[in-house]
């Protein structure tokens, strides 16, 4: 299993949270949520800057993009 696998660590959790953030707001909201989740991890690791996980951040943003696409599909179905 590669380090980008959804079965690694809590990547699936980050993806699901990102989808929810993108669905309920915008991609910018998902980016904010991704940064907040990683900031929380930094605090729990005593501000050890090596603990910032770009892979988790990226999975959250990917989830936000998917959530935004779902939101746009729903809005399109409502309007047309």
N, C-alpha and C. Protein backbone atom coordinates (compact mmCIF):
# COMPACT_ATOMS: atom_id res chain seq x y z
N UNK A 1 0.83 -1.18 0.00
CA UNK A 1 0.00 0.00 0.00
C UNK A 1 0.88 1.25 0.00
N UNK A 2 0.58 2.16 -0.90
CA UNK A 2 1.33 3.40 -0.95
C UNK A 2 0.87 4.37 0.13
N UNK A 3 1.65 5.43 0.29
CA UNK A 3 1.28 6.39 1.33
C UNK A 3 0.09 7.23 0.95
N UNK A 4 -0.36 7.18 -0.31
CA UNK A 4 -1.55 7.94 -0.75
C UNK A 4 -2.83 7.11 -0.63
N UNK A 5 -2.72 5.85 -0.21
CA UNK A 5 -3.87 4.96 -0.14
C UNK A 5 -4.90 5.46 0.87
N UNK A 6 -6.18 5.28 0.55
CA UNK A 6 -7.25 5.67 1.47
C UNK A 6 -7.27 4.81 2.72
N UNK A 7 -6.64 3.63 2.67
CA UNK A 7 -6.61 2.76 3.84
C UNK A 7 -5.53 3.18 4.83
N UNK A 8 -4.65 4.08 4.40
CA UNK A 8 -3.60 4.57 5.29
C UNK A 8 -4.15 5.58 6.28
N UNK A 9 -3.68 5.52 7.49
CA UNK A 9 -3.95 6.53 8.52
C UNK A 9 -5.44 6.86 8.57
N UNK A 10 -5.77 8.13 8.46
CA UNK A 10 -7.16 8.56 8.50
C UNK A 10 -7.52 9.31 7.22
N UNK A 11 -6.99 8.86 6.10
CA UNK A 11 -7.23 9.53 4.83
C UNK A 11 -8.70 9.49 4.44
N UNK A 12 -9.39 8.39 4.70
CA UNK A 12 -10.81 8.30 4.39
C UNK A 12 -11.61 9.31 5.20
N UNK A 13 -11.22 9.51 6.45
CA UNK A 13 -11.86 10.51 7.31
C UNK A 13 -11.69 11.91 6.69
N UNK A 14 -10.50 12.22 6.25
CA UNK A 14 -10.24 13.52 5.63
C UNK A 14 -11.06 13.69 4.35
N UNK A 15 -11.17 12.63 3.55
CA UNK A 15 -11.95 12.71 2.32
C UNK A 15 -13.42 12.97 2.62
N UNK A 16 -13.98 12.27 3.59
CA UNK A 16 -15.40 12.43 3.95
C UNK A 16 -15.66 13.83 4.50
N UNK A 17 -14.79 14.32 5.38
CA UNK A 17 -14.94 15.67 5.91
C UNK A 17 -14.84 16.69 4.79
N UNK A 18 -13.94 16.48 3.84
CA UNK A 18 -13.80 17.38 2.70
C UNK A 18 -15.05 17.39 1.83
N UNK A 19 -15.65 16.22 1.61
CA UNK A 19 -16.89 16.15 0.83
C UNK A 19 -17.99 16.93 1.53
N UNK A 20 -18.10 16.76 2.82
CA UNK A 20 -19.12 17.50 3.57
C UNK A 20 -18.88 19.01 3.49
N UNK A 21 -17.62 19.42 3.62
CA UNK A 21 -17.30 20.84 3.55
C UNK A 21 -17.59 21.41 2.17
N UNK A 22 -17.26 20.69 1.12
CA UNK A 22 -17.53 21.15 -0.23
C UNK A 22 -19.01 21.16 -0.55
N UNK A 23 -19.73 20.22 0.01
CA UNK A 23 -21.17 20.14 -0.23
C UNK A 23 -21.92 21.24 0.49
N UNK A 24 -21.46 21.60 1.68
CA UNK A 24 -22.18 22.59 2.47
C UNK A 24 -21.69 24.02 2.25
N UNK A 25 -20.51 24.19 1.64
CA UNK A 25 -20.04 25.55 1.37
C UNK A 25 -19.40 25.59 -0.02
N UNK A 26 -18.14 25.94 -0.11
CA UNK A 26 -17.44 25.99 -1.39
C UNK A 26 -16.09 25.31 -1.24
N UNK A 27 -15.34 25.29 -2.33
CA UNK A 27 -14.00 24.72 -2.27
C UNK A 27 -13.11 25.52 -1.33
N UNK A 28 -13.35 26.82 -1.24
CA UNK A 28 -12.57 27.64 -0.30
C UNK A 28 -12.85 27.23 1.14
N UNK A 29 -14.09 26.88 1.42
CA UNK A 29 -14.43 26.37 2.75
C UNK A 29 -13.72 25.06 3.03
N UNK A 30 -13.63 24.21 2.01
CA UNK A 30 -12.94 22.93 2.17
C UNK A 30 -11.45 23.14 2.42
N UNK A 31 -10.86 24.13 1.76
CA UNK A 31 -9.45 24.43 2.00
C UNK A 31 -9.25 24.92 3.42
N UNK A 32 -10.18 25.74 3.90
CA UNK A 32 -10.10 26.21 5.29
C UNK A 32 -10.24 25.05 6.27
N UNK A 33 -11.14 24.12 5.98
CA UNK A 33 -11.33 22.96 6.85
C UNK A 33 -10.07 22.09 6.84
N UNK A 34 -9.46 21.90 5.66
CA UNK A 34 -8.24 21.10 5.57
C UNK A 34 -7.13 21.73 6.40
N UNK A 35 -7.00 23.04 6.31
CA UNK A 35 -5.96 23.73 7.09
C UNK A 35 -6.26 23.66 8.58
N UNK A 36 -7.52 23.76 8.95
CA UNK A 36 -7.89 23.67 10.37
C UNK A 36 -7.61 22.28 10.92
N UNK A 37 -7.90 21.24 10.13
CA UNK A 37 -7.62 19.88 10.59
C UNK A 37 -6.12 19.68 10.80
N UNK A 38 -5.32 20.18 9.88
CA UNK A 38 -3.88 20.03 10.04
C UNK A 38 -3.35 20.91 11.17
N UNK A 39 -3.95 22.09 11.36
CA UNK A 39 -3.57 22.92 12.50
C UNK A 39 -3.86 22.24 13.82
N UNK A 40 -4.98 21.52 13.87
CA UNK A 40 -5.32 20.75 15.07
C UNK A 40 -4.26 19.67 15.32
N UNK A 41 -3.83 19.01 14.24
CA UNK A 41 -2.79 17.99 14.39
C UNK A 41 -1.48 18.61 14.87
N UNK A 42 -1.17 19.82 14.39
CA UNK A 42 0.04 20.50 14.86
C UNK A 42 -0.04 20.79 16.36
N UNK A 43 -1.21 21.23 16.83
CA UNK A 43 -1.37 21.52 18.24
C UNK A 43 -1.21 20.28 19.10
N UNK A 44 -1.76 19.15 18.63
CA UNK A 44 -1.65 17.91 19.39
C UNK A 44 -0.22 17.38 19.40
N UNK A 45 0.58 17.79 18.42
CA UNK A 45 1.99 17.36 18.37
C UNK A 45 2.92 18.45 18.87
N UNK A 46 2.41 19.33 19.73
CA UNK A 46 3.22 20.40 20.35
C UNK A 46 3.91 21.28 19.32
N UNK A 47 3.20 21.64 18.28
CA UNK A 47 3.67 22.54 17.23
C UNK A 47 4.95 22.05 16.56
N UNK A 48 5.09 20.74 16.46
CA UNK A 48 6.20 20.15 15.73
C UNK A 48 5.89 20.31 14.24
N UNK A 49 6.61 21.21 13.57
CA UNK A 49 6.28 21.55 12.18
C UNK A 49 6.45 20.38 11.23
N UNK A 50 7.14 19.33 11.66
CA UNK A 50 7.27 18.15 10.81
C UNK A 50 5.99 17.31 10.81
N UNK A 51 5.03 17.67 11.66
CA UNK A 51 3.81 16.87 11.73
C UNK A 51 2.74 17.34 10.75
N UNK A 52 2.99 18.45 10.02
CA UNK A 52 2.03 18.90 9.00
C UNK A 52 2.01 17.85 7.91
N UNK A 53 0.84 17.28 7.65
CA UNK A 53 0.72 16.19 6.69
C UNK A 53 0.03 16.71 5.43
N UNK A 54 0.82 16.92 4.40
CA UNK A 54 0.28 17.44 3.14
C UNK A 54 -0.62 16.42 2.45
N UNK A 55 -0.41 15.14 2.72
CA UNK A 55 -1.25 14.12 2.11
C UNK A 55 -2.66 14.20 2.69
N UNK A 56 -2.78 14.31 4.02
CA UNK A 56 -4.10 14.48 4.64
C UNK A 56 -4.77 15.76 4.13
N UNK A 57 -4.00 16.84 4.04
CA UNK A 57 -4.53 18.12 3.56
C UNK A 57 -5.06 17.96 2.13
N UNK A 58 -4.29 17.27 1.29
CA UNK A 58 -4.69 17.07 -0.10
C UNK A 58 -5.95 16.22 -0.20
N UNK A 59 -6.06 15.16 0.62
CA UNK A 59 -7.27 14.33 0.60
C UNK A 59 -8.49 15.14 1.01
N UNK A 60 -8.33 16.05 1.95
CA UNK A 60 -9.45 16.89 2.36
C UNK A 60 -9.86 17.83 1.23
N UNK A 61 -8.90 18.40 0.53
CA UNK A 61 -9.20 19.29 -0.60
C UNK A 61 -9.84 18.51 -1.75
N UNK A 62 -9.36 17.30 -2.01
CA UNK A 62 -9.98 16.46 -3.05
C UNK A 62 -11.43 16.17 -2.67
N UNK A 63 -11.67 15.87 -1.41
CA UNK A 63 -13.05 15.67 -0.95
C UNK A 63 -13.88 16.93 -1.15
N UNK A 64 -13.27 18.10 -0.90
CA UNK A 64 -13.98 19.36 -1.12
C UNK A 64 -14.35 19.57 -2.57
N UNK A 65 -13.46 19.18 -3.47
CA UNK A 65 -13.76 19.29 -4.91
C UNK A 65 -14.91 18.36 -5.26
N UNK A 66 -14.89 17.14 -4.75
CA UNK A 66 -15.99 16.20 -5.01
C UNK A 66 -17.31 16.72 -4.44
N UNK A 67 -17.26 17.27 -3.23
CA UNK A 67 -18.46 17.83 -2.62
C UNK A 67 -19.00 19.01 -3.40
N UNK A 68 -18.11 19.84 -3.93
CA UNK A 68 -18.54 20.97 -4.75
C UNK A 68 -19.20 20.50 -6.04
N UNK A 69 -18.65 19.45 -6.65
CA UNK A 69 -19.26 18.89 -7.86
C UNK A 69 -20.65 18.35 -7.55
N UNK A 70 -20.79 17.63 -6.44
CA UNK A 70 -22.11 17.11 -6.04
C UNK A 70 -23.08 18.26 -5.81
N UNK A 71 -22.60 19.32 -5.14
CA UNK A 71 -23.45 20.49 -4.89
C UNK A 71 -23.92 21.11 -6.20
N UNK A 72 -23.03 21.25 -7.16
CA UNK A 72 -23.40 21.85 -8.44
C UNK A 72 -24.40 20.97 -9.21
N UNK A 73 -24.24 19.65 -9.13
CA UNK A 73 -25.19 18.75 -9.77
C UNK A 73 -26.58 18.89 -9.15
N UNK A 74 -26.63 18.96 -7.81
CA UNK A 74 -27.90 19.13 -7.12
C UNK A 74 -28.54 20.46 -7.51
N UNK A 75 -27.76 21.53 -7.52
CA UNK A 75 -28.31 22.82 -7.90
C UNK A 75 -28.80 22.84 -9.34
N UNK A 76 -28.08 22.18 -10.22
CA UNK A 76 -28.49 22.09 -11.64
C UNK A 76 -29.82 21.35 -11.74
N UNK A 77 -29.96 20.25 -11.00
CA UNK A 77 -31.22 19.48 -11.04
C UNK A 77 -32.38 20.29 -10.49
N UNK A 78 -32.14 21.13 -9.48
CA UNK A 78 -33.20 21.95 -8.91
C UNK A 78 -33.63 23.05 -9.89
N UNK A 79 -32.65 23.69 -10.52
CA UNK A 79 -32.95 24.83 -11.39
C UNK A 79 -33.55 24.37 -12.72
N UNK A 80 -33.03 23.28 -13.31
CA UNK A 80 -33.52 22.86 -14.63
C UNK A 80 -34.34 21.63 -14.57
